Protein backbone atom coordinates (compact mmCIF):
# COMPACT_ATOMS: atom_id res chain seq x y z
CA UNK A 1 -24.71 14.97 -18.21
CA UNK A 2 -22.24 12.64 -19.94
CA UNK A 3 -23.35 14.02 -23.35
CA UNK A 4 -22.87 17.58 -22.14
CA UNK A 5 -19.41 16.74 -20.84
CA UNK A 6 -18.37 15.25 -24.17
CA UNK A 7 -19.68 18.33 -25.94
CA UNK A 8 -17.50 20.52 -23.75
CA UNK A 9 -14.51 18.35 -24.49
CA UNK A 10 -15.13 18.66 -28.19
CA UNK A 11 -15.51 22.43 -27.95
CA UNK A 12 -11.85 23.09 -27.26
CA UNK A 13 -11.16 21.63 -23.81
CA UNK A 14 -8.21 19.73 -25.21
CA UNK A 15 -6.67 18.20 -22.15
CA UNK A 16 -9.26 16.97 -19.68
CA UNK A 17 -8.89 13.77 -17.62
CA UNK A 18 -10.22 10.80 -19.58
CA UNK A 19 -13.67 9.33 -19.25
CA UNK A 20 -14.64 5.66 -19.13
CA UNK A 21 -17.95 4.12 -20.18
CA UNK A 22 -18.30 2.21 -16.91
CA UNK A 23 -17.87 5.24 -14.65
CA UNK A 24 -20.69 7.37 -13.20
CA UNK A 25 -21.92 10.11 -15.56
CA UNK A 26 -19.91 13.30 -15.47
CA UNK A 27 -16.85 11.75 -13.81
CA UNK A 28 -13.29 11.69 -15.09
CA UNK A 29 -10.34 9.37 -14.57
CA UNK A 30 -6.70 10.01 -13.82
CA UNK A 31 -4.79 6.82 -14.53
CA UNK A 32 -1.74 5.61 -12.60
CA UNK A 33 0.68 2.93 -13.75
CA UNK A 34 3.20 1.20 -11.48
CA UNK A 35 6.53 0.30 -13.05
CA UNK A 36 9.89 -1.10 -12.07
CA UNK A 37 12.16 0.89 -14.33
CA UNK A 38 11.05 0.20 -17.90
CA UNK A 39 8.96 -2.82 -16.90
CA UNK A 40 5.40 -2.96 -15.64
CA UNK A 41 4.88 -3.84 -11.98
CA UNK A 42 3.55 -7.35 -11.45
CA UNK A 43 3.39 -9.43 -8.27
CA UNK A 44 4.41 -12.53 -10.25
CA UNK A 45 7.53 -10.96 -11.76
CA UNK A 46 11.17 -10.76 -10.69
CA UNK A 47 13.25 -7.65 -11.32
CA UNK A 48 17.03 -7.39 -11.51
CA UNK A 49 19.65 -4.63 -11.14
CA UNK A 50 17.76 -2.87 -8.36
CA UNK A 51 19.42 -0.41 -5.98
CA UNK A 52 23.10 0.20 -5.34
CA UNK A 53 23.80 -3.53 -4.96
CA UNK A 54 22.15 -4.29 -8.33
CA UNK A 55 20.04 -6.86 -6.54
CA UNK A 56 17.15 -9.01 -7.69
CA UNK A 57 13.79 -8.35 -6.05
CA UNK A 58 10.23 -9.62 -6.06
CA UNK A 59 7.33 -7.40 -4.98
CA UNK A 60 5.55 -7.84 -1.64
CA UNK A 61 3.25 -4.78 -1.36
CA UNK A 62 2.57 -1.53 -3.23
CA UNK A 63 -0.13 0.77 -1.83
CA UNK A 64 -0.39 4.43 -0.89
CA UNK A 65 -2.93 7.09 0.00
CA UNK A 66 -3.38 10.41 -1.82
CA UNK A 67 -5.40 13.54 -1.09
CA UNK A 68 -5.66 17.20 -2.10
CA UNK A 69 -5.69 16.34 -5.82
CA UNK A 70 -5.59 19.36 -8.13
CA UNK A 71 -5.49 19.92 -11.87
CA UNK A 72 -3.21 22.66 -13.20
CA UNK A 73 -4.39 25.01 -15.94
CA UNK A 74 -2.10 26.39 -18.62
CA UNK A 75 -1.91 29.69 -16.69
CA UNK A 76 -0.63 27.67 -13.63
CA UNK A 77 -3.80 28.11 -11.57
CA UNK A 78 -4.88 25.01 -9.68
CA UNK A 79 -8.39 23.57 -9.72
CA UNK A 80 -9.56 20.97 -7.17
CA UNK A 81 -10.26 17.51 -8.55
CA UNK A 82 -13.21 16.39 -6.44
CA UNK A 83 -12.80 12.69 -5.61
CA UNK A 84 -16.00 10.67 -5.95
CA UNK A 85 -16.93 8.69 -2.85
CA UNK A 86 -17.35 5.00 -3.68
CA UNK A 87 -17.31 3.31 -0.26
CA UNK A 88 -14.19 1.32 -1.13
CA UNK A 89 -11.20 3.22 -2.52
CA UNK A 90 -12.27 6.86 -2.20
CA UNK A 91 -13.98 8.70 0.61
CA UNK A 92 -14.05 12.21 2.10
CA UNK A 93 -11.22 13.49 -0.06
CA UNK A 94 -8.84 10.56 0.44
CA UNK A 95 -8.07 7.87 -2.14
CA UNK A 96 -6.17 4.59 -1.92
CA UNK A 97 -4.08 3.47 -4.88
CA UNK A 98 -3.36 -0.27 -4.73
CA UNK A 99 -1.13 -1.88 -7.35
CA UNK A 100 -0.67 -5.31 -5.76
CA UNK A 101 -3.25 -8.04 -6.36
CA UNK A 102 -2.37 -10.49 -3.58
CA UNK A 103 -0.90 -12.98 -6.07
CA UNK A 104 2.61 -14.34 -6.47
CA UNK A 105 5.01 -12.86 -3.95
CA UNK A 106 2.45 -10.26 -2.78
CA UNK A 107 0.98 -12.32 0.05
CA UNK A 108 -1.25 -9.51 1.29
CA UNK A 109 -4.66 -11.16 1.25
CA UNK A 110 -5.82 -8.17 -0.80
CA UNK A 111 -6.73 -9.24 -4.35
CA UNK A 112 -8.40 -5.98 -5.36
CA UNK A 113 -6.41 -3.36 -7.24
CA UNK A 114 -7.06 0.33 -7.87
CA UNK A 115 -4.97 2.16 -10.44
CA UNK A 116 -6.92 5.36 -11.05
CA UNK A 117 -8.53 8.34 -9.37
CA UNK A 118 -12.16 9.05 -10.17
CA UNK A 119 -13.50 12.56 -9.75
CA UNK A 120 -14.99 15.73 -11.16
CA UNK A 121 -13.62 19.10 -12.19
CA UNK A 122 -14.83 22.04 -14.28
CA UNK A 123 -14.16 21.75 -18.00
CA UNK A 124 -10.83 23.26 -18.93
CA UNK A 125 -7.53 22.82 -20.69
CA UNK A 126 -5.40 21.24 -17.99
CA UNK A 127 -1.68 20.66 -18.45
CA UNK A 128 -0.50 19.34 -15.08
CA UNK A 129 -1.39 17.52 -11.90
CA UNK A 130 -0.65 18.03 -8.20
CA UNK A 131 -1.47 15.67 -5.35
CA UNK A 132 -0.28 14.88 -1.85
CA UNK A 133 0.76 11.47 -0.63
CA UNK A 134 -0.71 10.51 2.70
CA UNK A 135 -3.72 11.15 4.88
CA UNK A 136 -4.78 14.68 5.94
CA UNK A 137 -3.82 15.75 9.46
CA UNK A 138 -7.42 15.85 10.67
CA UNK A 139 -8.04 12.22 9.63
CA UNK A 140 -4.69 10.65 10.44
CA UNK A 141 -5.47 9.38 13.94
CA UNK A 142 -8.72 7.52 13.41
CA UNK A 143 -9.26 3.93 14.49
CA UNK A 144 -8.83 1.95 11.27
CA UNK A 145 -11.20 -0.97 12.08
CA UNK A 146 -14.11 1.45 12.60
CA UNK A 147 -13.14 4.15 10.09
CA UNK A 148 -14.87 4.78 6.77
CA UNK A 149 -13.30 3.48 3.57
CA UNK A 150 -10.60 3.79 2.40
CA UNK A 151 -9.20 4.36 5.91
CA UNK A 152 -10.51 1.05 7.25
CA UNK A 153 -7.55 -1.17 6.33
CA UNK A 154 -5.68 -2.35 9.46
CA UNK A 155 -2.58 -3.19 7.38
CA UNK A 156 -2.18 0.50 6.57
CA UNK A 157 -2.54 1.70 10.15
CA UNK A 158 0.42 2.14 12.49
CA UNK A 159 -0.90 3.08 15.92
CA UNK A 160 -3.08 5.64 17.66
CA UNK A 161 -0.19 8.09 17.92
CA UNK A 162 1.45 7.38 14.58
CA UNK A 163 -1.75 7.17 12.59
CA UNK A 164 -1.75 5.68 9.12
CA UNK A 165 0.95 4.30 6.89
CA UNK A 166 0.70 6.78 4.04
CA UNK A 167 2.56 4.34 1.82
CA UNK A 168 3.38 0.66 2.21
CA UNK A 169 5.82 -0.48 -0.45
CA UNK A 170 7.70 -3.69 0.34
CA UNK A 171 9.93 -6.01 -1.65
CA UNK A 172 11.78 -9.26 -1.10
CA UNK A 173 15.47 -8.93 -1.97
CA UNK A 174 18.16 -11.49 -2.70
CA UNK A 175 19.62 -11.26 0.84
CA UNK A 176 16.67 -9.76 2.73
CA UNK A 177 13.38 -11.58 3.20
CA UNK A 178 11.78 -8.10 3.29
CA UNK A 179 12.93 -4.59 2.51
CA UNK A 180 10.37 -2.00 3.60
CA UNK A 181 9.22 1.49 2.82
CA UNK A 182 6.53 2.55 5.30
CA UNK A 183 5.83 6.26 5.17
CA UNK A 184 3.84 8.12 7.80
CA UNK A 185 3.88 10.96 10.29
CA UNK A 186 6.50 10.53 13.02
CA UNK A 187 7.57 11.92 16.39
CA UNK A 188 3.92 12.15 17.38
CA UNK A 189 2.70 12.93 20.88
CA UNK A 190 -0.72 13.22 22.49
CA UNK A 191 -3.64 11.02 23.43
CA UNK A 192 -6.93 9.77 22.03
CA UNK A 193 -8.86 12.24 24.15
CA UNK A 194 -6.66 15.28 23.68
CA UNK A 195 -5.56 14.62 20.10
CA UNK A 196 -2.13 14.14 18.58
CA UNK A 197 0.53 16.33 17.03
CA UNK A 198 3.48 15.12 14.98
CA UNK A 199 6.83 16.84 14.50
CA UNK A 200 7.22 15.41 11.01
CA UNK A 201 4.10 15.27 8.84
CA UNK A 202 5.86 13.59 5.88
CA UNK A 203 3.08 14.40 3.43
CA UNK A 204 4.80 14.76 0.10
CA UNK A 205 3.33 17.06 -2.54
CA UNK A 206 3.91 15.57 -5.97
CA UNK A 207 3.81 17.83 -9.01
CA UNK A 208 3.48 16.47 -12.53
CA UNK A 209 4.14 19.69 -14.48
CA UNK A 210 3.26 18.38 -17.94
CA UNK A 211 0.63 15.74 -18.60
CA UNK A 212 -1.67 14.88 -21.49
CA UNK A 213 -4.58 13.43 -19.54
CA UNK A 214 -6.09 11.76 -22.60
CA UNK A 215 -2.91 9.84 -23.40
CA UNK A 216 -0.78 9.70 -20.26
CA UNK A 217 -0.85 7.87 -16.96
CA UNK A 218 1.07 8.90 -13.87
CA UNK A 219 4.14 6.67 -13.67
CA UNK A 220 5.01 5.37 -10.19
CA UNK A 221 8.47 3.79 -10.42
CA UNK A 222 9.52 1.32 -7.73
CA UNK A 223 13.06 1.15 -9.14
CA UNK A 224 13.45 4.92 -8.65
CA UNK A 225 12.36 4.61 -5.00
CA UNK A 226 15.10 2.02 -4.42
CA UNK A 227 17.77 3.44 -6.72
CA UNK A 228 20.04 4.90 -4.02
CA UNK A 229 19.75 2.23 -1.31
CA UNK A 230 21.22 -1.24 -0.84
CA UNK A 231 18.23 -3.57 -0.63
CA UNK A 232 20.58 -6.40 0.45
CA UNK A 233 21.94 -4.52 3.47
CA UNK A 234 21.09 -6.41 6.65
CA UNK A 235 20.01 -4.35 9.69
CA UNK A 236 22.54 -4.36 12.54
CA UNK A 237 19.92 -4.10 15.29
CA UNK A 238 21.45 -0.89 16.61
CA UNK A 239 21.85 2.06 14.24
CA UNK A 240 19.70 0.27 11.66
CA UNK A 241 16.92 -1.79 13.19
CA UNK A 242 14.97 -2.74 10.08
CA UNK A 243 15.79 -3.44 6.45
CA UNK A 244 14.49 -0.41 4.62
CA UNK A 245 12.81 2.75 5.89
CA UNK A 246 10.07 3.07 8.47
CA UNK A 247 10.30 6.90 8.46
CA UNK A 248 11.71 7.14 11.97
CA UNK A 249 14.62 9.43 12.85
CA UNK A 250 18.05 7.90 12.44
CA UNK A 251 17.11 5.27 9.87
CA UNK A 252 20.00 5.31 7.37
CA UNK A 253 17.93 4.24 4.36
CA UNK A 254 15.30 6.94 4.78
CA UNK A 255 17.07 10.03 3.34
CA UNK A 256 17.54 8.42 -0.08
CA UNK A 257 14.05 6.95 -0.20
CA UNK A 258 12.46 10.21 0.95
CA UNK A 259 14.53 11.93 -1.73
CA UNK A 260 12.85 9.83 -4.42
CA UNK A 261 9.61 11.57 -3.38
CA UNK A 262 11.25 14.99 -3.14
CA UNK A 263 10.78 14.88 0.64
CA UNK A 264 13.04 16.10 3.42
CA UNK A 265 13.81 13.51 6.10
CA UNK A 266 13.41 14.85 9.66
CA UNK A 267 15.47 18.07 9.83
CA UNK A 268 17.75 17.25 6.92
CA UNK A 269 17.37 19.02 3.58
CA UNK A 270 15.90 16.81 0.86
CA UNK A 271 18.43 14.81 -1.14
CA UNK A 272 16.46 15.83 -4.20
CA UNK A 273 13.66 18.32 -4.81
CA UNK A 274 12.54 16.30 -7.83
CA UNK A 275 10.22 13.35 -7.07
CA UNK A 276 12.04 10.86 -9.33
CA UNK A 277 9.55 8.14 -8.42
CA UNK A 278 6.79 9.99 -10.31
CA UNK A 279 6.41 11.07 -13.90
CA UNK A 280 4.25 10.20 -16.90
CA UNK A 281 4.04 7.21 -19.20
CA UNK A 282 1.67 6.35 -22.06
CA UNK A 283 -1.61 4.90 -20.82
CA UNK A 284 -1.34 2.13 -23.40
CA UNK A 285 2.21 1.11 -22.40
CA UNK A 286 2.59 -2.66 -21.86
């Protein structure tokens, strides 16, 4: 099957997701690369000039779920990228991307990293990528300790009603021991027996309109997420109860951070329709 796939690639399918010798036959990789501005993300590094206060930060966590991954053909049609189940990072159409390795300032107890999606798609000349951040509605209110991977991580689960943390991206700032970005569905009501519904799904669809899958990785830029917030701003315990954004209504840092994903916050229009946090970068970049 691997030989047949390579033959198809050589027969004019110029822009397929890359293959790797260690992957199951017939599968393809979409690489992701975490950055902080022009620098690579590393739990043992310190980064300066972050946010509106031009603060210095160190990483604490950097993980998020994706689903509904699609490749975009030159004629703009979308083709599903079928995620391969591996019992760890991908299962039943959901994948976990994990850029922190538990070292340095990332005291997560999670040394494993995952910086790619592994899947299958028909041969074709693909020029773009679409995916959604988060967990699908029908799987958002499982019990994490008993759920199948990758939804079995208690640190990425909020509560029965809230469901999962779609993204958990935390840093330590110069004047804040932690500055958080925890994204998930909010204003949820219901019960375990009857099910839950949430007023704000907060599942961002990210579009990478132009991508050379053989040469590019998806860039995920932490500096862009924080560019329009003051990471040194201390919560006042009233209008702002936590440093950063926990996705709940009224949080003053949330509109700007949602805007970096092209997301609207509650009933407000999005600050930006362009997901500045995402783009492309060379796969071989340092």
